[in-house]
C-alpha atoms as a PDB file:
ATOM      1  CA  MET A   1     -39.991   2.007 103.661  1.00  0.00           C
ATOM      2  CA  GLU A   2     -43.006  -0.227 104.038  1.00  0.00           C
ATOM      3  CA  LYS A   3     -42.680  -4.004 104.377  1.00  0.00           C
ATOM      4  CA  HIS A   4     -44.434  -6.356 101.972  1.00  0.00           C
ATOM      5  CA  TYR A   5     -44.153  -9.496 104.097  1.00  0.00           C
ATOM      6  CA  TYR A   6     -44.202 -10.154 107.830  1.00  0.00           C
ATOM      7  CA  THR A   7     -43.039 -13.198 109.800  1.00  0.00           C
ATOM      8  CA  ILE A   8     -45.420 -15.068 112.079  1.00  0.00           C
ATOM      9  CA  ASN A   9     -43.768 -13.506 115.141  1.00  0.00           C
ATOM     10  CA  GLU A  10     -44.252 -10.001 113.714  1.00  0.00           C
ATOM     11  CA  VAL A  11     -47.889 -10.821 112.911  1.00  0.00           C
ATOM     12  CA  ALA A  12     -48.374 -12.192 116.429  1.00  0.00           C
ATOM     13  CA  GLU A  13     -47.031  -8.949 117.850  1.00  0.00           C
ATOM     14  CA  ILE A  14     -49.172  -6.792 115.550  1.00  0.00           C
ATOM     15  CA  THR A  15     -52.410  -8.727 116.120  1.00  0.00           C
ATOM     16  CA  LYS A  16     -51.791  -9.785 119.735  1.00  0.00           C
ATOM     17  CA  ILE A  17     -52.538 -13.391 118.731  1.00  0.00           C
ATOM     18  CA  LYS A  18     -50.092 -16.135 119.696  1.00  0.00           C
ATOM     19  CA  PRO A  19     -48.282 -17.863 116.797  1.00  0.00           C
ATOM     20  CA  HIS A  20     -49.749 -21.296 117.620  1.00  0.00           C
ATOM     21  CA  VAL A  21     -53.263 -19.828 117.365  1.00  0.00           C
ATOM     22  CA  ILE A  22     -52.453 -18.262 113.979  1.00  0.00           C
ATOM     23  CA  ARG A  23     -51.097 -21.608 112.751  1.00  0.00           C
ATOM     24  CA  TYR A  24     -54.265 -23.339 113.996  1.00  0.00           C
ATOM     25  CA  TRP A  25     -56.454 -20.812 112.166  1.00  0.00           C
ATOM     26  CA  GLU A  26     -54.461 -21.485 108.992  1.00  0.00           C
ATOM     27  CA  SER A  27     -55.294 -25.184 109.271  1.00  0.00           C
ATOM     28  CA  CYS A  28     -59.018 -24.455 109.693  1.00  0.00           C
ATOM     29  CA  ILE A  29     -59.672 -21.436 107.497  1.00  0.00           C
ATOM     30  CA  PRO A  30     -58.852 -21.909 103.805  1.00  0.00           C
ATOM     31  CA  ALA A  31     -58.778 -18.165 103.105  1.00  0.00           C
ATOM     32  CA  LEU A  32     -55.765 -17.776 105.396  1.00  0.00           C
ATOM     33  CA  LYS A  33     -52.808 -19.186 103.460  1.00  0.00           C
ATOM     34  CA  PRO A  34     -49.559 -17.273 103.903  1.00  0.00           C
ATOM     35  CA  LYS A  35     -46.687 -17.676 101.500  1.00  0.00           C
ATOM     36  CA  LYS A  36     -44.129 -20.228 102.707  1.00  0.00           C
ATOM     37  CA  ILE A  37     -40.471 -19.919 101.791  1.00  0.00           C
ATOM     38  CA  ARG A  38     -38.140 -22.577 103.182  1.00  0.00           C
ATOM     39  CA  GLY A  39     -40.771 -23.446 105.751  1.00  0.00           C
ATOM     40  CA  ARG A  40     -41.118 -19.856 107.010  1.00  0.00           C
ATOM     41  CA  ARG A  41     -44.542 -18.267 106.856  1.00  0.00           C
ATOM     42  CA  LEU A  42     -44.688 -14.810 105.296  1.00  0.00           C
ATOM     43  CA  TYR A  43     -47.847 -12.731 105.641  1.00  0.00           C
ATOM     44  CA  THR A  44     -49.077  -9.761 103.620  1.00  0.00           C
ATOM     45  CA  LYS A  45     -50.995  -6.809 105.047  1.00  0.00           C
ATOM     46  CA  GLU A  46     -54.186  -8.309 103.602  1.00  0.00           C
ATOM     47  CA  GLU A  47     -53.563 -11.526 105.522  1.00  0.00           C
ATOM     48  CA  ILE A  48     -52.963  -9.515 108.698  1.00  0.00           C
ATOM     49  CA  GLU A  49     -56.316  -7.786 108.095  1.00  0.00           C
ATOM     50  CA  LEU A  50     -57.904 -11.205 107.681  1.00  0.00           C
ATOM     51  CA  ILE A  51     -56.351 -12.371 110.964  1.00  0.00           C
ATOM     52  CA  ASN A  52     -57.771  -9.289 112.675  1.00  0.00           C
ATOM     53  CA  LEU A  53     -61.189 -10.082 111.166  1.00  0.00           C
ATOM     54  CA  ILE A  54     -60.963 -13.672 112.433  1.00  0.00           C
ATOM     55  CA  LYS A  55     -59.937 -12.340 115.847  1.00  0.00           C
ATOM     56  CA  ARG A  56     -62.941  -9.997 115.944  1.00  0.00           C
ATOM     57  CA  LEU A  57     -65.380 -12.682 114.821  1.00  0.00           C
ATOM     58  CA  ARG A  58     -63.943 -15.244 117.217  1.00  0.00           C
ATOM     59  CA  TYR A  59     -63.417 -13.198 120.364  1.00  0.00           C
ATOM     60  CA  GLU A  60     -65.733 -10.184 120.098  1.00  0.00           C
ATOM     61  CA  GLU A  61     -68.678 -11.785 118.306  1.00  0.00           C
ATOM     62  CA  GLY A  62     -68.126 -15.164 119.971  1.00  0.00           C
ATOM     63  CA  LEU A  63     -68.288 -17.286 116.824  1.00  0.00           C
ATOM     64  CA  LYS A  64     -66.752 -20.746 116.805  1.00  0.00           C
ATOM     65  CA  ILE A  65     -64.285 -21.606 114.029  1.00  0.00           C
ATOM     66  CA  GLU A  66     -67.032 -23.093 111.812  1.00  0.00           C
ATOM     67  CA  GLY A  67     -69.024 -19.880 112.210  1.00  0.00           C
ATOM     68  CA  VAL A  68     -65.951 -17.810 111.386  1.00  0.00           C
ATOM     69  CA  LYS A  69     -65.391 -19.870 108.202  1.00  0.00           C
ATOM     70  CA  LYS A  70     -69.016 -19.373 107.132  1.00  0.00           C
ATOM     71  CA  LYS A  71     -68.903 -15.646 107.870  1.00  0.00           C
ATOM     72  CA  ILE A  72     -65.684 -15.204 105.869  1.00  0.00           C
ATOM     73  CA  LEU A  73     -67.250 -17.073 102.936  1.00  0.00           C
ATOM     74  CA  GLU A  74     -70.344 -14.838 103.142  1.00  0.00           C
ATOM     75  CA  VAL A  75     -68.222 -11.707 103.300  1.00  0.00           C
ATOM     76  CA  ARG A  76     -66.082 -12.953 100.421  1.00  0.00           C
ATOM     77  CA  ARG A  77     -69.174 -13.601  98.294  1.00  0.00           C
ATOM     78  CA  THR A  78     -70.607 -10.150  98.987  1.00  0.00           C
ATOM     79  CA  LYS A  79     -67.184  -8.529  98.508  1.00  0.00           C
ATOM     80  CA  GLN A  80     -67.294  -6.544 101.748  1.00  0.00           C
ATOM     81  CA  ILE A  81     -63.568  -7.149 102.255  1.00  0.00           C
ATOM     82  CA  SER A  82     -60.746  -7.942  99.911  1.00  0.00           C
ATOM     83  CA  LEU A  83     -59.022 -11.182 100.704  1.00  0.00           C
ATOM     84  CA  PRO A  84     -55.450 -11.761  99.702  1.00  0.00           C
ATOM     85  CA  LEU A  85     -54.891 -11.985  95.954  1.00  0.00           C
ATOM     86  CA  SER A  86     -51.566 -12.397  94.271  1.00  0.00           C
ATOM     87  CA  ARG A  87     -50.320  -9.764  91.856  1.00  0.00           C
ATOM     88  CA  SER A  88     -50.942 -12.102  88.911  1.00  0.00           C
ATOM     89  CA  ASP A  89     -54.517 -12.741  90.139  1.00  0.00           C
ATOM     90  CA  ARG A  90     -55.179  -8.997  90.305  1.00  0.00           C
ATOM     91  CA  GLU A  91     -53.742  -8.485  86.818  1.00  0.00           C
ATOM     92  CA  LEU A  92     -55.873 -11.331  85.456  1.00  0.00           C
ATOM     93  CA  LEU A  93     -58.995  -9.823  87.041  1.00  0.00           C
ATOM     94  CA  ARG A  94     -58.188  -6.419  85.518  1.00  0.00           C
ATOM     95  CA  GLU A  95     -57.845  -8.037  82.076  1.00  0.00           C
ATOM     96  CA  ILE A  96     -61.130  -9.912  82.497  1.00  0.00           C
ATOM     97  CA  LYS A  97     -62.868  -6.700  83.572  1.00  0.00           C
ATOM     98  CA  LYS A  98     -61.451  -4.857  80.551  1.00  0.00           C
ATOM     99  CA  GLU A  99     -62.642  -7.591  78.185  1.00  0.00           C
ATOM    100  CA  LEU A 100     -66.094  -7.647  79.785  1.00  0.00           C
ATOM    101  CA  LEU A 101     -66.405  -3.873  79.455  1.00  0.00           C
ATOM    102  CA  ASN A 102     -65.373  -4.109  75.796  1.00  0.00           C
ATOM    103  CA  LEU A 103     -67.976  -6.843  75.248  1.00  0.00           C
ATOM    104  CA  LEU A 104     -70.650  -4.759  76.988  1.00  0.00           C
ATOM    105  CA  GLU A 105     -69.777  -1.753  74.836  1.00  0.00           C
ATOM    106  CA  TYR A 106     -69.973  -3.925  71.709  1.00  0.00           C
ATOM    107  CA  LEU A 107     -73.339  -5.375  72.719  1.00  0.00           C
ATOM    108  CA  ARG A 108     -74.785  -1.947  73.443  1.00  0.00           C
ATOM    109  CA  GLY A 109     -73.604  -0.754  70.041  1.00  0.00           C
ATOM    110  CA  THR A 110     -75.575  -3.398  68.138  1.00  0.00           C
END
């Protein structure tokens, strides 16, 4: 069975990034906001992917944190990656898309 949430130590092991570095990135990069329950950070697979992206930008491409933030914002705007969205956010976006398609169909019909 697949896990939905991972602790910071599990994420550190998966990404090979030390927990204090992950916590630092959270303080600098608004897109990286894990769920916190009783003070414990819980990360989704999407957040782990984001951490791996930050790692690549930071260590392979040599960007500083400000550059990483800008790059993530650019990528987010162009929708090249999906950043973490809650289930309710995804459902809301599906509803909006459905309504927009209905409106488009209506407009084309007139």
